[in-house]
Amino acid sequence: MLYGLFFAKGYSKEISIYRAKSFIMSNVLGLSGDAQLFTIEALAAAGGGELTSLFYNCPQKNKSGLILGFYNDYWNDNGVTYQGYKFKDIPKERAIELFNRIDSLGSQNDSFLNKDRDNNVFFTYEDLTFLLYNGWSQGSPIRIFYNGFDVEWDAIAYRRSEDRFLKKIEPK
C-alpha cells in the first residue's frame, strides 16, 4: 500500500520536506496534545527524482535520523499519471550503521564489482534491499528496493546525504 498519491509532473526537495512533515509527526514522533518541536532539512535528491534524503531532529524527544523519500509514477485507467510516494524512517544510530555498511561492502567488493559489468552485490537492511553494481568506486548508483519501489541513489546524492547527515549529528 502506498503512503500517498499526488498529481505531479515534477518533483523537488521542497515537496519532499512538505510531505515528510506529516510523516514525522504521525509516524516518528507520535501525535499528542503536547506541543512538540522538530526540524527537518533536505540532504540531497537523487538526479532522477526518485529518491530524496532528509534529516530530522527532535531534541525534546531525543530523536533524530534519516528519512528516505521514495517516488515513482503510476497511471490510472484513464491514463492520468500520478506520483506515488512513501517515506522510510531510519533513526540516527541505524542510519550511521547503514552508511557504514554500504561503504564497507562497496570497498570490500570493489575489485569484484569493477571486474565485470554484470557483477553485483546486494544485501538487505531491515525491509530495504540494496544493490551495488559495476563501478562502485567510479560512482555507480545504488539501487534500493522498498515496498514496491525500485529507485537509484546516484553516487553524488549518496555522498552528499552521508556527509551532510554526519555533519548534522556531530556535536557542535
Protein backbone atom coordinates (compact mmCIF):
# COMPACT_ATOMS: atom_id res chain seq x y z
CA MET A 1 0.00 0.00 0.00
CA LEU A 2 1.39 3.39 -0.92
CA TYR A 3 1.68 6.10 1.69
CA GLY A 4 0.16 8.63 -0.70
CA LEU A 5 -0.51 9.66 -4.24
CA PHE A 6 -0.35 13.12 -5.74
CA PHE A 7 -0.72 14.55 -9.20
CA ALA A 8 2.60 15.93 -10.30
CA LYS A 9 4.85 16.10 -13.29
CA GLY A 10 7.93 17.15 -11.42
CA TYR A 11 9.49 16.55 -8.05
CA SER A 12 11.55 18.71 -5.72
CA LYS A 13 13.15 18.72 -2.30
CA GLU A 14 10.54 21.24 -1.20
CA ILE A 15 7.70 18.82 -1.95
CA SER A 16 9.51 16.11 -0.02
CA ILE A 17 10.01 18.37 3.01
CA TYR A 18 6.37 19.43 2.89
CA ARG A 19 5.07 15.84 2.75
CA ALA A 20 7.62 14.41 5.21
CA LYS A 21 6.47 16.78 7.97
CA SER A 22 3.19 14.89 8.27
CA PHE A 23 5.02 11.56 8.22
CA ILE A 24 7.37 12.66 11.02
CA MET A 25 4.53 13.98 13.18
CA SER A 26 2.37 10.88 12.76
CA ASN A 27 4.84 8.04 12.33
CA VAL A 28 8.06 9.09 14.04
CA LEU A 29 7.22 11.43 16.91
CA GLY A 30 3.60 10.49 17.51
CA LEU A 31 0.66 12.85 17.68
CA SER A 32 -0.27 14.15 21.12
CA GLY A 33 -1.85 17.13 22.80
CA ASP A 34 1.57 18.42 23.83
CA ALA A 35 3.46 20.87 21.66
CA GLN A 36 6.46 19.21 20.05
CA LEU A 37 9.34 20.93 18.30
CA PHE A 38 11.30 19.40 15.42
CA THR A 39 13.45 20.40 12.48
CA ILE A 40 13.64 18.86 9.04
CA GLU A 41 16.12 19.51 6.26
CA ALA A 42 16.63 18.01 2.81
CA LEU A 43 20.09 16.48 2.49
CA ALA A 44 20.12 15.53 -1.20
CA ALA A 45 17.82 14.45 -4.01
CA ALA A 46 18.85 11.78 -6.49
CA GLY A 47 19.23 13.03 -10.04
CA GLY A 48 16.28 11.02 -11.32
CA GLY A 49 13.92 12.46 -8.72
CA GLU A 50 13.04 9.00 -7.41
CA LEU A 51 14.68 9.40 -4.01
CA THR A 52 15.43 12.13 -1.56
CA SER A 53 17.15 12.01 1.81
CA LEU A 54 16.12 14.19 4.73
CA PHE A 55 17.42 14.80 8.23
CA TYR A 56 15.08 15.33 11.18
CA ASN A 57 15.75 16.23 14.79
CA CYS A 58 13.50 16.48 17.84
CA PRO A 59 15.65 17.27 20.90
CA GLN A 60 12.55 17.25 23.10
CA LYS A 61 12.07 13.51 22.44
CA ASN A 62 15.78 12.84 21.84
CA LYS A 63 15.01 11.58 18.33
CA SER A 64 16.87 12.28 15.13
CA GLY A 65 17.53 10.35 11.97
CA LEU A 66 17.38 9.90 8.26
CA ILE A 67 14.19 9.83 6.21
CA LEU A 68 14.35 8.30 2.75
CA GLY A 69 11.58 9.53 0.45
CA PHE A 70 10.69 7.20 -2.43
CA TYR A 71 8.83 8.40 -5.53
CA ASN A 72 7.51 6.53 -8.59
CA ASP A 73 4.99 7.28 -11.35
CA TYR A 74 1.71 5.39 -11.55
CA TRP A 75 -1.11 5.52 -14.10
CA ASN A 76 -4.84 5.16 -13.56
CA ASP A 77 -7.28 3.53 -16.01
CA ASN A 78 -7.75 6.86 -17.80
CA GLY A 79 -4.02 7.24 -18.43
CA VAL A 80 -3.57 10.04 -15.89
CA THR A 81 -0.12 9.95 -14.31
CA TYR A 82 0.25 10.20 -10.56
CA GLN A 83 3.35 10.10 -8.48
CA GLY A 84 3.21 7.73 -5.53
CA TYR A 85 5.47 8.18 -2.56
CA LYS A 86 6.45 6.56 0.70
CA PHE A 87 8.83 7.51 3.47
CA LYS A 88 11.19 5.30 5.45
CA ASP A 89 12.45 6.41 8.86
CA ILE A 90 15.93 5.29 9.85
CA PRO A 91 16.83 6.50 13.37
CA LYS A 92 20.25 8.13 13.84
CA GLU A 93 22.25 5.13 15.08
CA ARG A 94 20.73 2.83 12.46
CA ALA A 95 21.46 5.41 9.72
CA ILE A 96 25.12 5.58 10.74
CA GLU A 97 25.22 1.79 10.68
CA LEU A 98 23.62 1.74 7.22
CA PHE A 99 26.07 4.25 5.73
CA ASN A 100 28.97 2.28 7.23
CA ARG A 101 27.62 -0.98 5.83
CA ILE A 102 27.18 0.41 2.31
CA ASP A 103 30.69 1.92 2.35
CA SER A 104 32.24 -1.22 3.80
CA LEU A 105 30.58 -3.65 1.39
CA GLY A 106 31.36 -1.38 -1.54
CA SER A 107 35.04 -1.15 -0.57
CA GLN A 108 35.37 -4.85 0.26
CA ASN A 109 33.87 -5.87 -3.08
CA ASP A 110 35.29 -3.10 -5.26
CA SER A 111 37.58 -5.35 -7.31
CA PHE A 112 34.73 -7.83 -7.92
CA LEU A 113 32.31 -5.04 -8.91
CA ASN A 114 34.84 -3.48 -11.30
CA LYS A 115 35.94 -6.80 -12.81
CA ASP A 116 32.86 -7.31 -14.96
CA ARG A 117 29.91 -5.11 -15.86
CA ASP A 118 27.48 -7.82 -14.77
CA ASN A 119 28.89 -8.28 -11.25
CA ASN A 120 26.58 -7.28 -8.39
CA VAL A 121 26.48 -7.29 -4.60
CA PHE A 122 23.23 -6.98 -2.66
CA PHE A 123 22.17 -7.02 0.97
CA THR A 124 19.05 -6.43 2.97
CA TYR A 125 18.77 -3.94 5.77
CA GLU A 126 15.51 -4.11 7.68
CA ASP A 127 12.87 -4.00 4.92
CA LEU A 128 15.19 -2.38 2.35
CA THR A 129 17.29 -4.20 -0.24
CA PHE A 130 20.41 -2.51 -1.60
CA LEU A 131 22.11 -3.48 -4.86
CA LEU A 132 25.64 -2.28 -5.59
CA TYR A 133 26.86 -2.91 -9.10
CA ASN A 134 29.62 -2.25 -11.61
CA GLY A 135 31.92 0.65 -10.99
CA TRP A 136 31.24 1.19 -7.26
CA SER A 137 34.46 3.17 -6.82
CA GLN A 138 33.78 5.12 -10.02
CA GLY A 139 30.44 6.42 -8.81
CA SER A 140 27.92 3.84 -9.93
CA PRO A 141 24.45 4.33 -8.38
CA ILE A 142 22.99 2.14 -5.66
CA ARG A 143 19.59 0.61 -6.36
CA ILE A 144 17.18 0.43 -3.44
CA PHE A 145 14.12 -1.79 -3.40
CA TYR A 146 11.46 -0.91 -0.85
CA ASN A 147 7.76 -1.69 -0.64
CA GLY A 148 7.27 -1.86 -4.42
CA PHE A 149 9.68 0.98 -5.18
CA ASP A 150 12.84 0.45 -7.25
CA VAL A 151 14.96 3.61 -7.17
CA GLU A 152 18.53 4.64 -7.82
CA TRP A 153 20.58 6.57 -5.29
CA ASP A 154 23.19 8.14 -7.54
CA ALA A 155 26.73 8.41 -6.19
CA ILE A 156 26.69 12.20 -5.80
CA ALA A 157 23.39 12.21 -3.89
CA TYR A 158 24.57 9.28 -1.74
CA ARG A 159 27.83 11.02 -0.76
CA ARG A 160 26.04 14.31 -0.09
CA SER A 161 23.44 12.53 2.04
CA GLU A 162 26.10 10.75 4.06
CA ASP A 163 28.35 13.81 4.51
CA ARG A 164 25.52 16.18 5.40
CA PHE A 165 23.89 13.66 7.76
CA LEU A 166 27.15 13.11 9.66
CA LYS A 167 27.72 16.87 9.93
CA LYS A 168 24.21 17.32 11.33
CA ILE A 169 24.67 14.75 14.09
CA GLU A 170 28.16 15.88 15.15
CA PRO A 171 28.11 17.78 18.44
CA LYS A 172 28.87 21.46 17.98
